[in-house]
């Protein structure tokens, strides 16, 4: 995975530790922080992340792929237009 700027890393760490955000957003921040290969011990594998965070490997793969293709903001948030459509009366 790509290197974060100092500000991005601080922002992710704050997001992951404050607990005042949606659970999925906190988990996505944790995934990005642990998967960062520029840590002193290198990045965690998808399997290690899945075990440690109790998140499926497919979710981890999706978050990592969205980070690479679309950037940090897109990887932290849900995509628009997903979910159930409202029924019209």
PDB file of N, CA and C in Angstrom:
ATOM      1  N   UNK A   1       0.829  -1.179   0.000  1.00  0.00           N
ATOM      2  CA  UNK A   1       0.000   0.000   0.000  1.00  0.00           C
ATOM      3  C   UNK A   1       0.869   1.236   0.000  1.00  0.00           C
ATOM      4  N   UNK A   2       0.297   2.294  -0.418  1.00  0.00           N
ATOM      5  CA  UNK A   2       0.998   3.551  -0.550  1.00  0.00           C
ATOM      6  C   UNK A   2       1.289   4.192   0.800  1.00  0.00           C
ATOM      7  N   UNK A   3       2.234   5.087   0.808  1.00  0.00           N
ATOM      8  CA  UNK A   3       2.607   5.811   2.016  1.00  0.00           C
ATOM      9  C   UNK A   3       1.616   6.949   2.284  1.00  0.00           C
ATOM     10  N   UNK A   4       1.292   7.137   3.542  1.00  0.00           N
ATOM     11  CA  UNK A   4       0.421   8.234   3.958  1.00  0.00           C
ATOM     12  C   UNK A   4       1.277   9.449   4.270  1.00  0.00           C
ATOM     13  N   UNK A   5       0.707  10.631   4.095  1.00  0.00           N
ATOM     14  CA  UNK A   5       1.386  11.833   4.567  1.00  0.00           C
ATOM     15  C   UNK A   5       1.264  11.851   6.094  1.00  0.00           C
ATOM     16  N   UNK A   6       2.051  12.694   6.739  1.00  0.00           N
ATOM     17  CA  UNK A   6       2.007  12.786   8.192  1.00  0.00           C
ATOM     18  C   UNK A   6       0.603  13.181   8.656  1.00  0.00           C
ATOM     19  N   UNK A   7      -0.010  14.125   7.963  1.00  0.00           N
ATOM     20  CA  UNK A   7      -1.359  14.576   8.318  1.00  0.00           C
ATOM     21  C   UNK A   7      -2.398  13.497   8.132  1.00  0.00           C
ATOM     22  N   UNK A   8      -2.291  12.729   7.044  1.00  0.00           N
ATOM     23  CA  UNK A   8      -3.240  11.630   6.799  1.00  0.00           C
ATOM     24  C   UNK A   8      -3.122  10.574   7.887  1.00  0.00           C
ATOM     25  N   UNK A   9      -1.885  10.253   8.257  1.00  0.00           N
ATOM     26  CA  UNK A   9      -1.669   9.242   9.294  1.00  0.00           C
ATOM     27  C   UNK A   9      -2.261   9.704  10.622  1.00  0.00           C
ATOM     28  N   UNK A  10      -2.025  10.968  10.975  1.00  0.00           N
ATOM     29  CA  UNK A  10      -2.591  11.505  12.217  1.00  0.00           C
ATOM     30  C   UNK A  10      -4.111  11.466  12.186  1.00  0.00           C
ATOM     31  N   UNK A  11      -4.680  11.817  11.046  1.00  0.00           N
ATOM     32  CA  UNK A  11      -6.127  11.809  10.894  1.00  0.00           C
ATOM     33  C   UNK A  11      -6.686  10.397  11.058  1.00  0.00           C
ATOM     34  N   UNK A  12      -6.034   9.411  10.442  1.00  0.00           N
ATOM     35  CA  UNK A  12      -6.469   8.017  10.564  1.00  0.00           C
ATOM     36  C   UNK A  12      -6.353   7.528  12.011  1.00  0.00           C
ATOM     37  N   UNK A  13      -5.258   7.872  12.682  1.00  0.00           N
ATOM     38  CA  UNK A  13      -5.071   7.445  14.064  1.00  0.00           C
ATOM     39  C   UNK A  13      -6.135   8.060  14.971  1.00  0.00           C
ATOM     40  N   UNK A  14      -6.447   9.326  14.752  1.00  0.00           N
ATOM     41  CA  UNK A  14      -7.487   9.981  15.546  1.00  0.00           C
ATOM     42  C   UNK A  14      -8.843   9.320  15.295  1.00  0.00           C
ATOM     43  N   UNK A  15      -9.135   9.052  14.029  1.00  0.00           N
ATOM     44  CA  UNK A  15     -10.396   8.413  13.665  1.00  0.00           C
ATOM     45  C   UNK A  15     -10.514   7.031  14.304  1.00  0.00           C
ATOM     46  N   UNK A  16      -9.423   6.287  14.307  1.00  0.00           N
ATOM     47  CA  UNK A  16      -9.438   4.913  14.830  1.00  0.00           C
ATOM     48  C   UNK A  16      -9.505   4.858  16.352  1.00  0.00           C
ATOM     49  N   UNK A  17      -9.131   5.921  17.041  1.00  0.00           N
ATOM     50  CA  UNK A  17      -9.065   5.855  18.500  1.00  0.00           C
ATOM     51  C   UNK A  17     -10.130   6.674  19.222  1.00  0.00           C
ATOM     52  N   UNK A  18     -10.819   7.588  18.546  1.00  0.00           N
ATOM     53  CA  UNK A  18     -11.779   8.429  19.258  1.00  0.00           C
ATOM     54  C   UNK A  18     -13.098   7.724  19.523  1.00  0.00           C
ATOM     55  N   UNK A  19     -13.562   6.865  18.624  1.00  0.00           N
ATOM     56  CA  UNK A  19     -14.798   6.142  18.836  1.00  0.00           C
ATOM     57  C   UNK A  19     -16.051   6.973  18.643  1.00  0.00           C
ATOM     58  N   UNK A  20     -15.943   8.114  17.988  1.00  0.00           N
ATOM     59  CA  UNK A  20     -17.111   8.968  17.786  1.00  0.00           C
ATOM     60  C   UNK A  20     -17.567   8.951  16.330  1.00  0.00           C
ATOM     61  N   UNK A  21     -17.289   7.887  15.654  1.00  0.00           N
ATOM     62  CA  UNK A  21     -17.654   7.728  14.248  1.00  0.00           C
ATOM     63  C   UNK A  21     -18.353   6.388  14.066  1.00  0.00           C
ATOM     64  N   UNK A  22     -18.901   6.182  12.892  1.00  0.00           N
ATOM     65  CA  UNK A  22     -19.541   4.900  12.587  1.00  0.00           C
ATOM     66  C   UNK A  22     -18.512   3.771  12.700  1.00  0.00           C
ATOM     67  N   UNK A  23     -18.970   2.613  13.155  1.00  0.00           N
ATOM     68  CA  UNK A  23     -18.073   1.473  13.375  1.00  0.00           C
ATOM     69  C   UNK A  23     -17.335   1.082  12.099  1.00  0.00           C
ATOM     70  N   UNK A  24     -18.031   1.106  10.949  1.00  0.00           N
ATOM     71  CA  UNK A  24     -17.364   0.718   9.699  1.00  0.00           C
ATOM     72  C   UNK A  24     -16.221   1.680   9.378  1.00  0.00           C
ATOM     73  N   UNK A  25     -16.398   2.963   9.672  1.00  0.00           N
ATOM     74  CA  UNK A  25     -15.376   3.960   9.371  1.00  0.00           C
ATOM     75  C   UNK A  25     -14.145   3.758  10.255  1.00  0.00           C
ATOM     76  N   UNK A  26     -14.368   3.450  11.523  1.00  0.00           N
ATOM     77  CA  UNK A  26     -13.266   3.166  12.443  1.00  0.00           C
ATOM     78  C   UNK A  26     -12.514   1.920  11.972  1.00  0.00           C
ATOM     79  N   UNK A  27     -13.264   0.880  11.573  1.00  0.00           N
ATOM     80  CA  UNK A  27     -12.629  -0.349  11.085  1.00  0.00           C
ATOM     81  C   UNK A  27     -11.827  -0.099   9.821  1.00  0.00           C
ATOM     82  N   UNK A  28     -12.348   0.711   8.912  1.00  0.00           N
ATOM     83  CA  UNK A  28     -11.625   1.014   7.681  1.00  0.00           C
ATOM     84  C   UNK A  28     -10.331   1.767   7.993  1.00  0.00           C
ATOM     85  N   UNK A  29     -10.369   2.682   8.942  1.00  0.00           N
ATOM     86  CA  UNK A  29      -9.161   3.408   9.346  1.00  0.00           C
ATOM     87  C   UNK A  29      -8.138   2.447   9.946  1.00  0.00           C
ATOM     88  N   UNK A  30      -8.597   1.517  10.779  1.00  0.00           N
ATOM     89  CA  UNK A  30      -7.696   0.517  11.370  1.00  0.00           C
ATOM     90  C   UNK A  30      -7.062  -0.354  10.292  1.00  0.00           C
ATOM     91  N   UNK A  31      -7.862  -0.754   9.310  1.00  0.00           N
ATOM     92  CA  UNK A  31      -7.344  -1.570   8.207  1.00  0.00           C
ATOM     93  C   UNK A  31      -6.230  -0.818   7.495  1.00  0.00           C
ATOM     94  N   UNK A  32      -6.473   0.437   7.143  1.00  0.00           N
ATOM     95  CA  UNK A  32      -5.474   1.219   6.416  1.00  0.00           C
ATOM     96  C   UNK A  32      -4.202   1.415   7.237  1.00  0.00           C
ATOM     97  N   UNK A  33      -4.346   1.674   8.525  1.00  0.00           N
ATOM     98  CA  UNK A  33      -3.166   1.870   9.374  1.00  0.00           C
ATOM     99  C   UNK A  33      -2.338   0.596   9.494  1.00  0.00           C
ATOM    100  N   UNK A  34      -3.003  -0.523   9.736  1.00  0.00           N
ATOM    101  CA  UNK A  34      -2.274  -1.783   9.910  1.00  0.00           C
ATOM    102  C   UNK A  34      -1.709  -2.319   8.598  1.00  0.00           C
ATOM    103  N   UNK A  35      -2.338  -1.999   7.478  1.00  0.00           N
ATOM    104  CA  UNK A  35      -1.872  -2.496   6.181  1.00  0.00           C
ATOM    105  C   UNK A  35      -0.744  -1.647   5.597  1.00  0.00           C
ATOM    106  N   UNK A  36      -0.451  -0.507   6.209  1.00  0.00           N
ATOM    107  CA  UNK A  36       0.589   0.393   5.707  1.00  0.00           C
ATOM    108  C   UNK A  36       1.954  -0.297   5.752  1.00  0.00           C
ATOM    109  N   UNK A  37       2.572  -0.480   4.611  1.00  0.00           N
ATOM    110  CA  UNK A  37       3.860  -1.191   4.539  1.00  0.00           C
ATOM    111  C   UNK A  37       5.027  -0.342   5.035  1.00  0.00           C
ATOM    112  N   UNK A  38       4.801   0.931   5.277  1.00  0.00           N
ATOM    113  CA  UNK A  38       5.877   1.814   5.724  1.00  0.00           C
ATOM    114  C   UNK A  38       5.988   1.891   7.242  1.00  0.00           C
ATOM    115  N   UNK A  39       5.382   0.961   7.950  1.00  0.00           N
ATOM    116  CA  UNK A  39       5.550   0.852   9.393  1.00  0.00           C
ATOM    117  C   UNK A  39       6.888   0.183   9.681  1.00  0.00           C
ATOM    118  N   UNK A  40       7.334   0.296  10.911  1.00  0.00           N
ATOM    119  CA  UNK A  40       8.620  -0.309  11.277  1.00  0.00           C
ATOM    120  C   UNK A  40       8.619  -1.822  11.090  1.00  0.00           C
ATOM    121  N   UNK A  41       7.460  -2.468  11.304  1.00  0.00           N
ATOM    122  CA  UNK A  41       7.373  -3.922  11.149  1.00  0.00           C
ATOM    123  C   UNK A  41       6.738  -4.336   9.824  1.00  0.00           C
ATOM    124  N   UNK A  42       6.511  -3.381   8.927  1.00  0.00           N
ATOM    125  CA  UNK A  42       5.879  -3.677   7.643  1.00  0.00           C
ATOM    126  C   UNK A  42       4.374  -3.770   7.804  1.00  0.00           C
ATOM    127  N   UNK A  43       3.671  -3.933   6.707  1.00  0.00           N
ATOM    128  CA  UNK A  43       2.208  -4.019   6.741  1.00  0.00           C
ATOM    129  C   UNK A  43       1.736  -5.412   7.095  1.00  0.00           C
ATOM    130  N   UNK A  44       0.568  -5.469   7.674  1.00  0.00           N
ATOM    131  CA  UNK A  44      -0.033  -6.748   8.033  1.00  0.00           C
ATOM    132  C   UNK A  44      -0.648  -7.394   6.800  1.00  0.00           C
ATOM    133  N   UNK A  45      -0.690  -8.719   6.780  1.00  0.00           N
ATOM    134  CA  UNK A  45      -1.355  -9.440   5.703  1.00  0.00           C
ATOM    135  C   UNK A  45      -2.866  -9.361   5.906  1.00  0.00           C
ATOM    136  N   UNK A  46      -3.614  -9.639   4.839  1.00  0.00           N
ATOM    137  CA  UNK A  46      -5.072  -9.619   4.931  1.00  0.00           C
ATOM    138  C   UNK A  46      -5.576 -10.619   5.975  1.00  0.00           C
ATOM    139  N   UNK A  47      -4.955 -11.788   6.035  1.00  0.00           N
ATOM    140  CA  UNK A  47      -5.371 -12.817   6.976  1.00  0.00           C
ATOM    141  C   UNK A  47      -5.119 -12.380   8.420  1.00  0.00           C
ATOM    142  N   UNK A  48      -3.971 -11.755   8.671  1.00  0.00           N
ATOM    143  CA  UNK A  48      -3.654 -11.277  10.012  1.00  0.00           C
ATOM    144  C   UNK A  48      -4.621 -10.169  10.427  1.00  0.00           C
ATOM    145  N   UNK A  49      -4.942  -9.278   9.498  1.00  0.00           N
ATOM    146  CA  UNK A  49      -5.909  -8.208   9.776  1.00  0.00           C
ATOM    147  C   UNK A  49      -7.287  -8.787  10.084  1.00  0.00           C
ATOM    148  N   UNK A  50      -7.718  -9.748   9.280  1.00  0.00           N
ATOM    149  CA  UNK A  50      -9.031 -10.358   9.466  1.00  0.00           C
ATOM    150  C   UNK A  50      -9.128 -11.001  10.841  1.00  0.00           C
ATOM    151  N   UNK A  51      -8.091 -11.678  11.253  1.00  0.00           N
ATOM    152  CA  UNK A  51      -8.085 -12.340  12.548  1.00  0.00           C
ATOM    153  C   UNK A  51      -8.054 -11.329  13.700  1.00  0.00           C
ATOM    154  N   UNK A  52      -7.209 -10.331  13.587  1.00  0.00           N
ATOM    155  CA  UNK A  52      -7.048  -9.355  14.667  1.00  0.00           C
ATOM    156  C   UNK A  52      -8.264  -8.449  14.827  1.00  0.00           C
ATOM    157  N   UNK A  53      -8.861  -8.033  13.710  1.00  0.00           N
ATOM    158  CA  UNK A  53      -9.969  -7.078  13.763  1.00  0.00           C
ATOM    159  C   UNK A  53     -11.339  -7.732  13.657  1.00  0.00           C
ATOM    160  N   UNK A  54     -11.376  -9.048  13.456  1.00  0.00           N
ATOM    161  CA  UNK A  54     -12.623  -9.788  13.293  1.00  0.00           C
ATOM    162  C   UNK A  54     -13.459  -9.208  12.151  1.00  0.00           C
ATOM    163  N   UNK A  55     -12.801  -9.043  11.005  1.00  0.00           N
ATOM    164  CA  UNK A  55     -13.413  -8.505   9.788  1.00  0.00           C
ATOM    165  C   UNK A  55     -13.090  -9.481   8.658  1.00  0.00           C
ATOM    166  N   UNK A  56     -14.015  -9.649   7.729  1.00  0.00           N
ATOM    167  CA  UNK A  56     -13.779 -10.595   6.638  1.00  0.00           C
ATOM    168  C   UNK A  56     -12.650 -10.113   5.728  1.00  0.00           C
ATOM    169  N   UNK A  57     -11.955 -11.077   5.134  1.00  0.00           N
ATOM    170  CA  UNK A  57     -10.865 -10.717   4.216  1.00  0.00           C
ATOM    171  C   UNK A  57     -11.391  -9.983   2.987  1.00  0.00           C
ATOM    172  N   UNK A  58     -12.632 -10.270   2.570  1.00  0.00           N
ATOM    173  CA  UNK A  58     -13.172  -9.566   1.402  1.00  0.00           C
ATOM    174  C   UNK A  58     -13.369  -8.077   1.703  1.00  0.00           C
ATOM    175  N   UNK A  59     -13.771  -7.743   2.922  1.00  0.00           N
ATOM    176  CA  UNK A  59     -13.894  -6.336   3.312  1.00  0.00           C
ATOM    177  C   UNK A  59     -12.522  -5.672   3.303  1.00  0.00           C
ATOM    178  N   UNK A  60     -11.532  -6.339   3.831  1.00  0.00           N
ATOM    179  CA  UNK A  60     -10.172  -5.804   3.868  1.00  0.00           C
ATOM    180  C   UNK A  60      -9.656  -5.578   2.448  1.00  0.00           C
ATOM    181  N   UNK A  61      -9.873  -6.550   1.566  1.00  0.00           N
ATOM    182  CA  UNK A  61      -9.444  -6.399   0.171  1.00  0.00           C
ATOM    183  C   UNK A  61     -10.134  -5.217  -0.497  1.00  0.00           C
ATOM    184  N   UNK A  62     -11.439  -5.050  -0.233  1.00  0.00           N
ATOM    185  CA  UNK A  62     -12.199  -3.937  -0.821  1.00  0.00           C
ATOM    186  C   UNK A  62     -11.673  -2.581  -0.356  1.00  0.00           C
ATOM    187  N   UNK A  63     -11.409  -2.466   0.945  1.00  0.00           N
ATOM    188  CA  UNK A  63     -10.913  -1.203   1.496  1.00  0.00           C
ATOM    189  C   UNK A  63      -9.545  -0.876   0.904  1.00  0.00           C
ATOM    190  N   UNK A  64      -8.667  -1.866   0.837  1.00  0.00           N
ATOM    191  CA  UNK A  64      -7.330  -1.636   0.275  1.00  0.00           C
ATOM    192  C   UNK A  64      -7.410  -1.245  -1.204  1.00  0.00           C
ATOM    193  N   UNK A  65      -8.250  -1.932  -1.954  1.00  0.00           N
ATOM    194  CA  UNK A  65      -8.382  -1.640  -3.382  1.00  0.00           C
ATOM    195  C   UNK A  65      -8.941  -0.235  -3.599  1.00  0.00           C
ATOM    196  N   UNK A  66      -9.944   0.147  -2.830  1.00  0.00           N
ATOM    197  CA  UNK A  66     -10.516   1.491  -2.968  1.00  0.00           C
ATOM    198  C   UNK A  66      -9.497   2.561  -2.603  1.00  0.00           C
ATOM    199  N   UNK A  67      -8.629   2.274  -1.619  1.00  0.00           N
ATOM    200  CA  UNK A  67      -7.586   3.225  -1.262  1.00  0.00           C
ATOM    201  C   UNK A  67      -6.639   3.441  -2.437  1.00  0.00           C
ATOM    202  N   UNK A  68      -6.218   2.361  -3.059  1.00  0.00           N
ATOM    203  CA  UNK A  68      -5.277   2.449  -4.176  1.00  0.00           C
ATOM    204  C   UNK A  68      -5.913   3.133  -5.388  1.00  0.00           C
ATOM    205  N   UNK A  69      -7.151   2.784  -5.692  1.00  0.00           N
ATOM    206  CA  UNK A  69      -7.797   3.297  -6.895  1.00  0.00           C
ATOM    207  C   UNK A  69      -8.421   4.678  -6.726  1.00  0.00           C
ATOM    208  N   UNK A  70      -8.976   4.965  -5.525  1.00  0.00           N
ATOM    209  CA  UNK A  70      -9.774   6.179  -5.360  1.00  0.00           C
ATOM    210  C   UNK A  70      -9.280   7.119  -4.263  1.00  0.00           C
ATOM    211  N   UNK A  71      -8.354   6.672  -3.425  1.00  0.00           N
ATOM    212  CA  UNK A  71      -7.815   7.543  -2.394  1.00  0.00           C
ATOM    213  C   UNK A  71      -8.360   7.264  -1.003  1.00  0.00           C
ATOM    214  N   UNK A  72      -7.837   8.013  -0.054  1.00  0.00           N
ATOM    215  CA  UNK A  72      -8.128   7.765   1.358  1.00  0.00           C
ATOM    216  C   UNK A  72      -9.581   8.059   1.719  1.00  0.00           C
ATOM    217  N   UNK A  73     -10.138   9.155   1.212  1.00  0.00           N
ATOM    218  CA  UNK A  73     -11.528   9.499   1.560  1.00  0.00           C
ATOM    219  C   UNK A  73     -12.508   8.440   1.071  1.00  0.00           C
ATOM    220  N   UNK A  74     -12.325   7.967  -0.141  1.00  0.00           N
ATOM    221  CA  UNK A  74     -13.226   6.954  -0.694  1.00  0.00           C
ATOM    222  C   UNK A  74     -13.117   5.642   0.077  1.00  0.00           C
ATOM    223  N   UNK A  75     -11.914   5.308   0.544  1.00  0.00           N
ATOM    224  CA  UNK A  75     -11.744   4.041   1.258  1.00  0.00           C
ATOM    225  C   UNK A  75     -12.350   4.067   2.657  1.00  0.00           C
ATOM    226  N   UNK A  76     -12.565   5.252   3.212  1.00  0.00           N
ATOM    227  CA  UNK A  76     -13.145   5.359   4.551  1.00  0.00           C
ATOM    228  C   UNK A  76     -14.667   5.389   4.548  1.00  0.00           C
ATOM    229  N   UNK A  77     -15.276   5.709   3.430  1.00  0.00           N
ATOM    230  CA  UNK A  77     -16.719   5.910   3.368  1.00  0.00           C
ATOM    231  C   UNK A  77     -17.408   4.872   2.491  1.00  0.00           C
ATOM    232  N   UNK A  78     -18.699   4.687   2.755  1.00  0.00           N
ATOM    233  CA  UNK A  78     -19.515   3.832   1.896  1.00  0.00           C
ATOM    234  C   UNK A  78     -19.736   4.519   0.559  1.00  0.00           C
ATOM    235  N   UNK A  79     -19.946   3.737  -0.446  1.00  0.00           N
ATOM    236  CA  UNK A  79     -20.278   4.307  -1.754  1.00  0.00           C
ATOM    237  C   UNK A  79     -21.726   4.764  -1.760  1.00  0.00           C
ATOM    238  N   UNK A  80     -22.010   5.804  -2.499  1.00  0.00           N
ATOM    239  CA  UNK A  80     -23.368   6.314  -2.617  1.00  0.00           C
ATOM    240  C   UNK A  80     -24.185   5.401  -3.525  1.00  0.00           C
ATOM    241  N   UNK A  81     -25.473   5.364  -3.289  1.00  0.00           N
ATOM    242  CA  UNK A  81     -26.359   4.606  -4.161  1.00  0.00           C
ATOM    243  C   UNK A  81     -26.476   3.136  -3.841  1.00  0.00           C
ATOM    244  N   UNK A  82     -25.899   2.725  -2.737  1.00  0.00           N
ATOM    245  CA  UNK A  82     -26.001   1.322  -2.354  1.00  0.00           C
ATOM    246  C   UNK A  82     -27.136   1.140  -1.369  1.00  0.00           C
ATOM    247  N   UNK A  83     -27.521  -0.054  -1.175  1.00  0.00           N
ATOM    248  CA  UNK A  83     -28.548  -0.343  -0.191  1.00  0.00           C
ATOM    249  C   UNK A  83     -29.919  -0.503  -0.834  1.00  0.00           C
ATOM    250  N   UNK A  84     -30.872  -0.529   0.018  1.00  0.00           N
ATOM    251  CA  UNK A  84     -32.244  -0.800  -0.402  1.00  0.00           C
ATOM    252  C   UNK A  84     -32.893   0.442  -1.005  1.00  0.00           C
ATOM    253  N   UNK A  85     -33.616   0.256  -2.050  1.00  0.00           N
ATOM    254  CA  UNK A  85     -34.376   1.338  -2.673  1.00  0.00           C
ATOM    255  C   UNK A  85     -35.685   1.522  -1.911  1.00  0.00           C
ATOM    256  N   UNK A  86     -36.095   2.753  -1.754  1.00  0.00           N
ATOM    257  CA  UNK A  86     -37.366   3.010  -1.076  1.00  0.00           C
ATOM    258  C   UNK A  86     -38.521   2.708  -2.021  1.00  0.00           C
ATOM    259  N   UNK A  87     -39.568   2.151  -1.435  1.00  0.00           N
ATOM    260  CA  UNK A  87     -40.765   1.854  -2.225  1.00  0.00           C
ATOM    261  C   UNK A  87     -41.572   3.135  -2.396  1.00  0.00           C
ATOM    262  N   UNK A  88     -42.084   3.300  -3.567  1.00  0.00           N
ATOM    263  CA  UNK A  88     -42.935   4.466  -3.829  1.00  0.00           C
ATOM    264  C   UNK A  88     -44.395   4.068  -3.645  1.00  0.00           C
ATOM    265  N   UNK A  89     -45.118   4.956  -3.050  1.00  0.00           N
ATOM    266  CA  UNK A  89     -46.538   4.678  -2.781  1.00  0.00           C
ATOM    267  C   UNK A  89     -47.398   4.902  -3.982  1.00  0.00           C
TER     268      UNK A  89
END
